[in-house]
PDB file of all heavy atoms in Angstrom:
ATOM      1  N   LEU A   1     -10.461  -2.201  -1.436  1.00  0.00           N
ATOM      2  CA  LEU A   1      -9.197  -1.616  -1.064  1.00  0.00           C
ATOM      3  C   LEU A   1      -8.102  -2.541  -1.655  1.00  0.00           C
ATOM      4  O   LEU A   1      -7.087  -2.078  -2.059  1.00  0.00           O
ATOM      5  CB  LEU A   1      -9.054  -1.597   0.459  1.00  0.00           C
ATOM      6  CG  LEU A   1      -9.863  -0.542   1.196  1.00  0.00           C
ATOM      7  CD1 LEU A   1      -9.670  -0.704   2.696  1.00  0.00           C
ATOM      8  CD2 LEU A   1      -9.417   0.832   0.743  1.00  0.00           C
ATOM      9  N   LEU A   2      -8.339  -3.883  -1.719  1.00  0.00           N
ATOM     10  CA  LEU A   2      -7.370  -4.745  -2.314  1.00  0.00           C
ATOM     11  C   LEU A   2      -7.157  -4.501  -3.744  1.00  0.00           C
ATOM     12  O   LEU A   2      -6.060  -4.429  -4.272  1.00  0.00           O
ATOM     13  CB  LEU A   2      -7.805  -6.229  -2.099  1.00  0.00           C
ATOM     14  CG  LEU A   2      -6.881  -7.309  -2.654  1.00  0.00           C
ATOM     15  CD1 LEU A   2      -5.552  -7.262  -1.928  1.00  0.00           C
ATOM     16  CD2 LEU A   2      -7.514  -8.697  -2.436  1.00  0.00           C
ATOM     17  N   ALA A   3      -8.278  -4.268  -4.433  1.00  0.00           N
ATOM     18  CA  ALA A   3      -8.153  -3.963  -5.829  1.00  0.00           C
ATOM     19  C   ALA A   3      -7.514  -2.626  -6.171  1.00  0.00           C
ATOM     20  O   ALA A   3      -6.936  -2.451  -7.232  1.00  0.00           O
ATOM     21  CB  ALA A   3      -9.570  -4.005  -6.501  1.00  0.00           C
ATOM     22  N   ALA A   4      -7.526  -1.719  -5.153  1.00  0.00           N
ATOM     23  CA  ALA A   4      -6.949  -0.334  -5.424  1.00  0.00           C
ATOM     24  C   ALA A   4      -5.411  -0.441  -5.354  1.00  0.00           C
ATOM     25  O   ALA A   4      -4.796   0.521  -5.777  1.00  0.00           O
ATOM     26  CB  ALA A   4      -7.457   0.630  -4.342  1.00  0.00           C
ATOM     27  N   LEU A   5      -4.882  -1.526  -4.766  1.00  0.00           N
ATOM     28  CA  LEU A   5      -3.433  -1.607  -4.701  1.00  0.00           C
ATOM     29  C   LEU A   5      -2.817  -2.051  -6.042  1.00  0.00           C
ATOM     30  O   LEU A   5      -3.131  -3.064  -6.551  1.00  0.00           O
ATOM     31  CB  LEU A   5      -3.010  -2.618  -3.636  1.00  0.00           C
ATOM     32  CG  LEU A   5      -3.396  -2.252  -2.155  1.00  0.00           C
ATOM     33  CD1 LEU A   5      -2.901  -3.333  -1.282  1.00  0.00           C
ATOM     34  CD2 LEU A   5      -2.721  -0.923  -1.800  1.00  0.00           C
ATOM     35  N   THR A   6      -1.993  -1.172  -6.602  1.00  0.00           N
ATOM     36  CA  THR A   6      -1.374  -1.479  -7.869  1.00  0.00           C
ATOM     37  C   THR A   6       0.143  -1.335  -7.727  1.00  0.00           C
ATOM     38  O   THR A   6       0.639  -0.422  -7.010  1.00  0.00           O
ATOM     39  CB  THR A   6      -1.811  -0.583  -8.994  1.00  0.00           C
ATOM     40  OG1 THR A   6      -1.652   0.765  -8.665  1.00  0.00           O
ATOM     41  CG2 THR A   6      -3.349  -0.796  -9.251  1.00  0.00           C
ATOM     42  N   LEU A   7       0.898  -2.124  -8.347  1.00  0.00           N
ATOM     43  CA  LEU A   7       2.316  -2.121  -8.285  1.00  0.00           C
ATOM     44  C   LEU A   7       2.922  -1.746  -9.682  1.00  0.00           C
ATOM     45  O   LEU A   7       2.358  -2.134 -10.741  1.00  0.00           O
ATOM     46  CB  LEU A   7       2.901  -3.449  -7.873  1.00  0.00           C
ATOM     47  CG  LEU A   7       2.376  -4.017  -6.537  1.00  0.00           C
ATOM     48  CD1 LEU A   7       3.008  -5.332  -6.265  1.00  0.00           C
ATOM     49  CD2 LEU A   7       2.706  -3.001  -5.392  1.00  0.00           C
ATOM     50  N   ASP A   8       3.865  -0.907  -9.674  1.00  0.00           N
ATOM     51  CA  ASP A   8       4.541  -0.542 -10.939  1.00  0.00           C
ATOM     52  C   ASP A   8       5.920  -1.068 -11.024  1.00  0.00           C
ATOM     53  O   ASP A   8       6.887  -0.632 -10.296  1.00  0.00           O
ATOM     54  CB  ASP A   8       4.647   1.101 -10.980  1.00  0.00           C
ATOM     55  CG  ASP A   8       5.090   1.607 -12.311  1.00  0.00           C
ATOM     56  OD1 ASP A   8       5.571   0.794 -13.106  1.00  0.00           O
ATOM     57  OD2 ASP A   8       4.993   2.782 -12.531  1.00  0.00           O
ATOM     58  N   ARG A   9       6.097  -2.077 -11.878  1.00  0.00           N
ATOM     59  CA  ARG A   9       7.411  -2.751 -11.968  1.00  0.00           C
ATOM     60  C   ARG A   9       8.492  -1.936 -12.721  1.00  0.00           C
ATOM     61  O   ARG A   9       9.630  -2.359 -12.834  1.00  0.00           O
ATOM     62  CB  ARG A   9       7.255  -4.099 -12.627  1.00  0.00           C
ATOM     63  CG  ARG A   9       6.572  -5.133 -11.687  1.00  0.00           C
ATOM     64  CD  ARG A   9       6.170  -6.383 -12.381  1.00  0.00           C
ATOM     65  NE  ARG A   9       5.782  -7.456 -11.405  1.00  0.00           N
ATOM     66  CZ  ARG A   9       4.541  -7.480 -10.798  1.00  0.00           C
ATOM     67  NH1 ARG A   9       3.709  -6.468 -11.039  1.00  0.00           N
ATOM     68  NH2 ARG A   9       4.239  -8.420  -9.971  1.00  0.00           N
ATOM     69  N   THR A  10       8.071  -0.765 -13.268  1.00  0.00           N
ATOM     70  CA  THR A  10       9.070   0.051 -13.966  1.00  0.00           C
ATOM     71  C   THR A  10       9.742   0.974 -12.989  1.00  0.00           C
ATOM     72  O   THR A  10      10.726   1.626 -13.378  1.00  0.00           O
ATOM     73  CB  THR A  10       8.367   0.891 -15.020  1.00  0.00           C
ATOM     74  OG1 THR A  10       7.439   1.851 -14.496  1.00  0.00           O
ATOM     75  CG2 THR A  10       7.622  -0.007 -16.027  1.00  0.00           C
ATOM     76  N   LEU A  11       9.220   1.126 -11.781  1.00  0.00           N
ATOM     77  CA  LEU A  11       9.835   2.008 -10.801  1.00  0.00           C
ATOM     78  C   LEU A  11      11.087   1.359 -10.216  1.00  0.00           C
ATOM     79  O   LEU A  11      11.168   0.150 -10.097  1.00  0.00           O
ATOM     80  CB  LEU A  11       8.842   2.317  -9.665  1.00  0.00           C
ATOM     81  CG  LEU A  11       7.600   3.103 -10.101  1.00  0.00           C
ATOM     82  CD1 LEU A  11       6.687   3.271  -8.921  1.00  0.00           C
ATOM     83  CD2 LEU A  11       8.005   4.498 -10.616  1.00  0.00           C
ATOM     84  N   PRO A  12      12.055   2.152  -9.752  1.00  0.00           N
ATOM     85  CA  PRO A  12      13.258   1.627  -9.090  1.00  0.00           C
ATOM     86  C   PRO A  12      12.931   1.040  -7.743  1.00  0.00           C
ATOM     87  O   PRO A  12      13.668   0.219  -7.215  1.00  0.00           O
ATOM     88  CB  PRO A  12      14.190   2.786  -8.994  1.00  0.00           C
ATOM     89  CG  PRO A  12      13.346   4.045  -9.012  1.00  0.00           C
ATOM     90  CD  PRO A  12      12.131   3.588  -9.966  1.00  0.00           C
ATOM     91  N   ALA A  13      11.839   1.461  -7.069  1.00  0.00           N
ATOM     92  CA  ALA A  13      11.484   1.003  -5.760  1.00  0.00           C
ATOM     93  C   ALA A  13      11.136  -0.470  -5.816  1.00  0.00           C
ATOM     94  O   ALA A  13      10.363  -0.917  -6.613  1.00  0.00           O
ATOM     95  CB  ALA A  13      10.354   1.806  -5.183  1.00  0.00           C
ATOM     96  N   PRO A  14      11.687  -1.298  -4.855  1.00  0.00           N
ATOM     97  CA  PRO A  14      11.369  -2.682  -4.792  1.00  0.00           C
ATOM     98  C   PRO A  14       9.826  -2.884  -4.611  1.00  0.00           C
ATOM     99  O   PRO A  14       9.170  -2.044  -4.006  1.00  0.00           O
ATOM    100  CB  PRO A  14      12.163  -3.287  -3.599  1.00  0.00           C
ATOM    101  CG  PRO A  14      13.292  -2.267  -3.434  1.00  0.00           C
ATOM    102  CD  PRO A  14      12.725  -0.986  -3.857  1.00  0.00           C
ATOM    103  N   LEU A  15       9.341  -4.071  -5.026  1.00  0.00           N
ATOM    104  CA  LEU A  15       7.922  -4.303  -4.907  1.00  0.00           C
ATOM    105  C   LEU A  15       7.474  -4.317  -3.444  1.00  0.00           C
ATOM    106  O   LEU A  15       6.365  -3.872  -3.098  1.00  0.00           O
ATOM    107  CB  LEU A  15       7.518  -5.610  -5.552  1.00  0.00           C
ATOM    108  CG  LEU A  15       7.798  -5.638  -7.170  1.00  0.00           C
ATOM    109  CD1 LEU A  15       7.516  -7.063  -7.670  1.00  0.00           C
ATOM    110  CD2 LEU A  15       6.933  -4.637  -7.825  1.00  0.00           C
ATOM    111  N   ALA A  16       8.343  -4.898  -2.587  1.00  0.00           N
ATOM    112  CA  ALA A  16       7.915  -4.912  -1.162  1.00  0.00           C
ATOM    113  C   ALA A  16       7.763  -3.510  -0.666  1.00  0.00           C
ATOM    114  O   ALA A  16       6.918  -3.238   0.198  1.00  0.00           O
ATOM    115  CB  ALA A  16       9.050  -5.662  -0.376  1.00  0.00           C
ATOM    116  N   ALA A  17       8.637  -2.558  -1.033  1.00  0.00           N
ATOM    117  CA  ALA A  17       8.521  -1.198  -0.642  1.00  0.00           C
ATOM    118  C   ALA A  17       7.168  -0.582  -1.131  1.00  0.00           C
ATOM    119  O   ALA A  17       6.562   0.190  -0.441  1.00  0.00           O
ATOM    120  CB  ALA A  17       9.723  -0.371  -1.072  1.00  0.00           C
ATOM    121  N   GLN A  18       6.849  -0.932  -2.306  1.00  0.00           N
ATOM    122  CA  GLN A  18       5.533  -0.406  -2.848  1.00  0.00           C
ATOM    123  C   GLN A  18       4.373  -0.949  -2.092  1.00  0.00           C
ATOM    124  O   GLN A  18       3.373  -0.196  -1.808  1.00  0.00           O
ATOM    125  CB  GLN A  18       5.432  -0.724  -4.369  1.00  0.00           C
ATOM    126  CG  GLN A  18       6.443  -0.035  -5.197  1.00  0.00           C
ATOM    127  CD  GLN A  18       6.286  -0.306  -6.686  1.00  0.00           C
ATOM    128  OE1 GLN A  18       5.159  -0.294  -7.177  1.00  0.00           O
ATOM    129  NE2 GLN A  18       7.340  -0.668  -7.396  1.00  0.00           N
ATOM    130  N   VAL A  19       4.344  -2.251  -1.788  1.00  0.00           N
ATOM    131  CA  VAL A  19       3.256  -2.837  -1.005  1.00  0.00           C
ATOM    132  C   VAL A  19       3.245  -2.126   0.381  1.00  0.00           C
ATOM    133  O   VAL A  19       2.146  -1.692   0.848  1.00  0.00           O
ATOM    134  CB  VAL A  19       3.486  -4.352  -0.846  1.00  0.00           C
ATOM    135  CG1 VAL A  19       2.387  -4.899   0.099  1.00  0.00           C
ATOM    136  CG2 VAL A  19       3.411  -5.044  -2.167  1.00  0.00           C
ATOM    137  N   TYR A  20       4.401  -2.026   0.969  1.00  0.00           N
ATOM    138  CA  TYR A  20       4.439  -1.316   2.316  1.00  0.00           C
ATOM    139  C   TYR A  20       3.894   0.082   2.279  1.00  0.00           C
ATOM    140  O   TYR A  20       3.100   0.466   3.084  1.00  0.00           O
ATOM    141  CB  TYR A  20       5.924  -1.354   2.782  1.00  0.00           C
ATOM    142  CG  TYR A  20       6.224  -0.258   3.827  1.00  0.00           C
ATOM    143  CD1 TYR A  20       5.835  -0.403   5.115  1.00  0.00           C
ATOM    144  CD2 TYR A  20       6.811   0.877   3.475  1.00  0.00           C
ATOM    145  CE1 TYR A  20       6.122   0.549   6.109  1.00  0.00           C
ATOM    146  CE2 TYR A  20       7.146   1.866   4.403  1.00  0.00           C
ATOM    147  CZ  TYR A  20       6.745   1.691   5.722  1.00  0.00           C
ATOM    148  OH  TYR A  20       7.026   2.639   6.663  1.00  0.00           O
ATOM    149  N   ASP A  21       4.289   0.896   1.281  1.00  0.00           N
ATOM    150  CA  ASP A  21       3.869   2.261   1.140  1.00  0.00           C
ATOM    151  C   ASP A  21       2.381   2.338   0.941  1.00  0.00           C
ATOM    152  O   ASP A  21       1.686   3.215   1.565  1.00  0.00           O
ATOM    153  CB  ASP A  21       4.594   2.971  -0.083  1.00  0.00           C
ATOM    154  CG  ASP A  21       6.043   3.241   0.196  1.00  0.00           C
ATOM    155  OD1 ASP A  21       6.438   3.303   1.431  1.00  0.00           O
ATOM    156  OD2 ASP A  21       6.845   3.426  -0.755  1.00  0.00           O
ATOM    157  N   ALA A  22       1.828   1.453   0.148  1.00  0.00           N
ATOM    158  CA  ALA A  22       0.353   1.469  -0.106  1.00  0.00           C
ATOM    159  C   ALA A  22      -0.447   1.159   1.132  1.00  0.00           C
ATOM    160  O   ALA A  22      -1.416   1.869   1.503  1.00  0.00           O
ATOM    161  CB  ALA A  22      -0.016   0.513  -1.225  1.00  0.00           C
ATOM    162  N   LEU A  23       0.063   0.073   1.858  1.00  0.00           N
ATOM    163  CA  LEU A  23      -0.713  -0.271   3.055  1.00  0.00           C
ATOM    164  C   LEU A  23      -0.495   0.770   4.198  1.00  0.00           C
ATOM    165  O   LEU A  23      -1.437   1.122   4.926  1.00  0.00           O
ATOM    166  CB  LEU A  23      -0.246  -1.608   3.600  1.00  0.00           C
ATOM    167  CG  LEU A  23      -0.588  -2.800   2.687  1.00  0.00           C
ATOM    168  CD1 LEU A  23       0.083  -4.102   3.243  1.00  0.00           C
ATOM    169  CD2 LEU A  23      -2.075  -2.974   2.595  1.00  0.00           C
ATOM    170  N   ARG A  24       0.654   1.316   4.282  1.00  0.00           N
ATOM    171  CA  ARG A  24       0.898   2.393   5.277  1.00  0.00           C
ATOM    172  C   ARG A  24      -0.042   3.589   5.037  1.00  0.00           C
ATOM    173  O   ARG A  24      -0.577   4.171   5.983  1.00  0.00           O
ATOM    174  CB  ARG A  24       2.349   2.812   5.299  1.00  0.00           C
ATOM    175  CG  ARG A  24       2.673   3.907   6.330  1.00  0.00           C
ATOM    176  CD  ARG A  24       4.136   4.301   6.341  1.00  0.00           C
ATOM    177  NE  ARG A  24       4.548   4.912   5.054  1.00  0.00           N
ATOM    178  CZ  ARG A  24       5.692   5.399   4.807  1.00  0.00           C
ATOM    179  NH1 ARG A  24       6.641   5.357   5.757  1.00  0.00           N
ATOM    180  NH2 ARG A  24       5.989   5.863   3.664  1.00  0.00           N
ATOM    181  N   ALA A  25      -0.203   3.977   3.770  1.00  0.00           N
ATOM    182  CA  ALA A  25      -1.044   5.113   3.462  1.00  0.00           C
ATOM    183  C   ALA A  25      -2.529   4.830   3.811  1.00  0.00           C
ATOM    184  O   ALA A  25      -3.246   5.670   4.354  1.00  0.00           O
ATOM    185  CB  ALA A  25      -0.969   5.406   1.989  1.00  0.00           C
ATOM    186  N   LEU A  26      -2.963   3.538   3.561  1.00  0.00           N
ATOM    187  CA  LEU A  26      -4.335   3.182   3.930  1.00  0.00           C
ATOM    188  C   LEU A  26      -4.532   3.245   5.457  1.00  0.00           C
ATOM    189  O   LEU A  26      -5.574   3.624   5.955  1.00  0.00           O
ATOM    190  CB  LEU A  26      -4.637   1.800   3.393  1.00  0.00           C
ATOM    191  CG  LEU A  26      -4.800   1.662   1.854  1.00  0.00           C
ATOM    192  CD1 LEU A  26      -4.898   0.146   1.485  1.00  0.00           C
ATOM    193  CD2 LEU A  26      -5.958   2.439   1.286  1.00  0.00           C
ATOM    194  N   ILE A  27      -3.557   2.827   6.163  1.00  0.00           N
ATOM    195  CA  ILE A  27      -3.606   2.824   7.666  1.00  0.00           C
ATOM    196  C   ILE A  27      -3.616   4.279   8.201  1.00  0.00           C
ATOM    197  O   ILE A  27      -4.373   4.676   9.061  1.00  0.00           O
ATOM    198  CB  ILE A  27      -2.471   2.016   8.269  1.00  0.00           C
ATOM    199  CG1 ILE A  27      -2.616   0.556   7.903  1.00  0.00           C
ATOM    200  CG2 ILE A  27      -2.477   2.155   9.757  1.00  0.00           C
ATOM    201  CD1 ILE A  27      -1.443  -0.296   8.246  1.00  0.00           C
ATOM    202  N   ALA A  28      -2.666   5.085   7.647  1.00  0.00           N
ATOM    203  CA  ALA A  28      -2.498   6.446   8.110  1.00  0.00           C
ATOM    204  C   ALA A  28      -3.719   7.293   7.870  1.00  0.00           C
ATOM    205  O   ALA A  28      -4.050   8.138   8.708  1.00  0.00           O
ATOM    206  CB  ALA A  28      -1.239   7.100   7.472  1.00  0.00           C
ATOM    207  N   ASP A  29      -4.373   7.137   6.757  1.00  0.00           N
ATOM    208  CA  ASP A  29      -5.596   7.950   6.446  1.00  0.00           C
ATOM    209  C   ASP A  29      -6.864   7.375   7.009  1.00  0.00           C
ATOM    210  O   ASP A  29      -7.908   7.866   6.771  1.00  0.00           O
ATOM    211  CB  ASP A  29      -5.696   8.255   4.972  1.00  0.00           C
ATOM    212  CG  ASP A  29      -6.014   7.053   4.102  1.00  0.00           C
ATOM    213  OD1 ASP A  29      -6.396   6.030   4.618  1.00  0.00           O
ATOM    214  OD2 ASP A  29      -5.799   7.160   2.897  1.00  0.00           O
ATOM    215  N   GLY A  30      -6.773   6.222   7.752  1.00  0.00           N
ATOM    216  CA  GLY A  30      -7.947   5.697   8.484  1.00  0.00           C
ATOM    217  C   GLY A  30      -8.802   4.780   7.641  1.00  0.00           C
ATOM    218  O   GLY A  30      -9.807   4.294   8.127  1.00  0.00           O
ATOM    219  N   ARG A  31      -8.438   4.528   6.405  1.00  0.00           N
ATOM    220  CA  ARG A  31      -9.241   3.610   5.579  1.00  0.00           C
ATOM    221  C   ARG A  31      -9.150   2.113   6.095  1.00  0.00           C
ATOM    222  O   ARG A  31     -10.032   1.332   5.900  1.00  0.00           O
ATOM    223  CB  ARG A  31      -8.940   3.713   4.111  1.00  0.00           C
ATOM    224  CG  ARG A  31      -9.517   4.908   3.501  1.00  0.00           C
ATOM    225  CD  ARG A  31      -9.297   4.933   1.998  1.00  0.00           C
ATOM    226  NE  ARG A  31      -7.866   5.271   1.650  1.00  0.00           N
ATOM    227  CZ  ARG A  31      -7.353   5.178   0.448  1.00  0.00           C
ATOM    228  NH1 ARG A  31      -8.108   4.794  -0.572  1.00  0.00           N
ATOM    229  NH2 ARG A  31      -6.139   5.564   0.212  1.00  0.00           N
ATOM    230  N   LEU A  32      -7.987   1.824   6.682  1.00  0.00           N
ATOM    231  CA  LEU A  32      -7.867   0.568   7.379  1.00  0.00           C
ATOM    232  C   LEU A  32      -7.890   0.830   8.915  1.00  0.00           C
ATOM    233  O   LEU A  32      -7.041   1.523   9.376  1.00  0.00           O
ATOM    234  CB  LEU A  32      -6.515  -0.132   6.990  1.00  0.00           C
ATOM    235  CG  LEU A  32      -6.508  -0.779   5.627  1.00  0.00           C
ATOM    236  CD1 LEU A  32      -5.093  -1.377   5.368  1.00  0.00           C
ATOM    237  CD2 LEU A  32      -7.526  -1.899   5.543  1.00  0.00           C
ATOM    238  N   LYS A  33      -8.905   0.302   9.514  1.00  0.00           N
ATOM    239  CA  LYS A  33      -9.145   0.653  10.937  1.00  0.00           C
ATOM    240  C   LYS A  33      -8.250  -0.208  11.862  1.00  0.00           C
ATOM    241  O   LYS A  33      -7.952  -1.418  11.557  1.00  0.00           O
ATOM    242  CB  LYS A  33     -10.582   0.385  11.287  1.00  0.00           C
ATOM    243  CG  LYS A  33     -11.551   1.195  10.381  1.00  0.00           C
ATOM    244  CD  LYS A  33     -11.361   2.680  10.514  1.00  0.00           C
ATOM    245  CE  LYS A  33     -12.400   3.458   9.665  1.00  0.00           C
ATOM    246  NZ  LYS A  33     -12.146   4.892   9.644  1.00  0.00           N
ATOM    247  N   PRO A  34      -7.983   0.260  13.108  1.00  0.00           N
ATOM    248  CA  PRO A  34      -7.243  -0.517  14.030  1.00  0.00           C
ATOM    249  C   PRO A  34      -7.945  -1.823  14.319  1.00  0.00           C
ATOM    250  O   PRO A  34      -9.131  -1.849  14.517  1.00  0.00           O
ATOM    251  CB  PRO A  34      -7.171   0.383  15.299  1.00  0.00           C
ATOM    252  CG  PRO A  34      -7.312   1.727  14.721  1.00  0.00           C
ATOM    253  CD  PRO A  34      -8.178   1.648  13.568  1.00  0.00           C
ATOM    254  N   GLY A  35      -7.208  -2.896  14.381  1.00  0.00           N
ATOM    255  CA  GLY A  35      -7.709  -4.249  14.637  1.00  0.00           C
ATOM    256  C   GLY A  35      -8.110  -4.948  13.415  1.00  0.00           C
ATOM    257  O   GLY A  35      -8.388  -6.195  13.490  1.00  0.00           O
ATOM    258  N   ALA A  36      -8.191  -4.284  12.224  1.00  0.00           N
ATOM    259  CA  ALA A  36      -8.572  -5.008  11.025  1.00  0.00           C
ATOM    260  C   ALA A  36      -7.449  -5.979  10.585  1.00  0.00           C
ATOM    261  O   ALA A  36      -6.276  -5.647  10.721  1.00  0.00           O
ATOM    262  CB  ALA A  36      -8.842  -4.011   9.893  1.00  0.00           C
TER     263      ALA A  36
END
């Protein structure tokens, strides 16, 4: 899962927002379980 996270520095979105969006998606679809 860590390796699947990629950041695109050409996008206008700040890097922090990209990290947040990626982790939120992993949590929302259940790939990151509660308590992990």
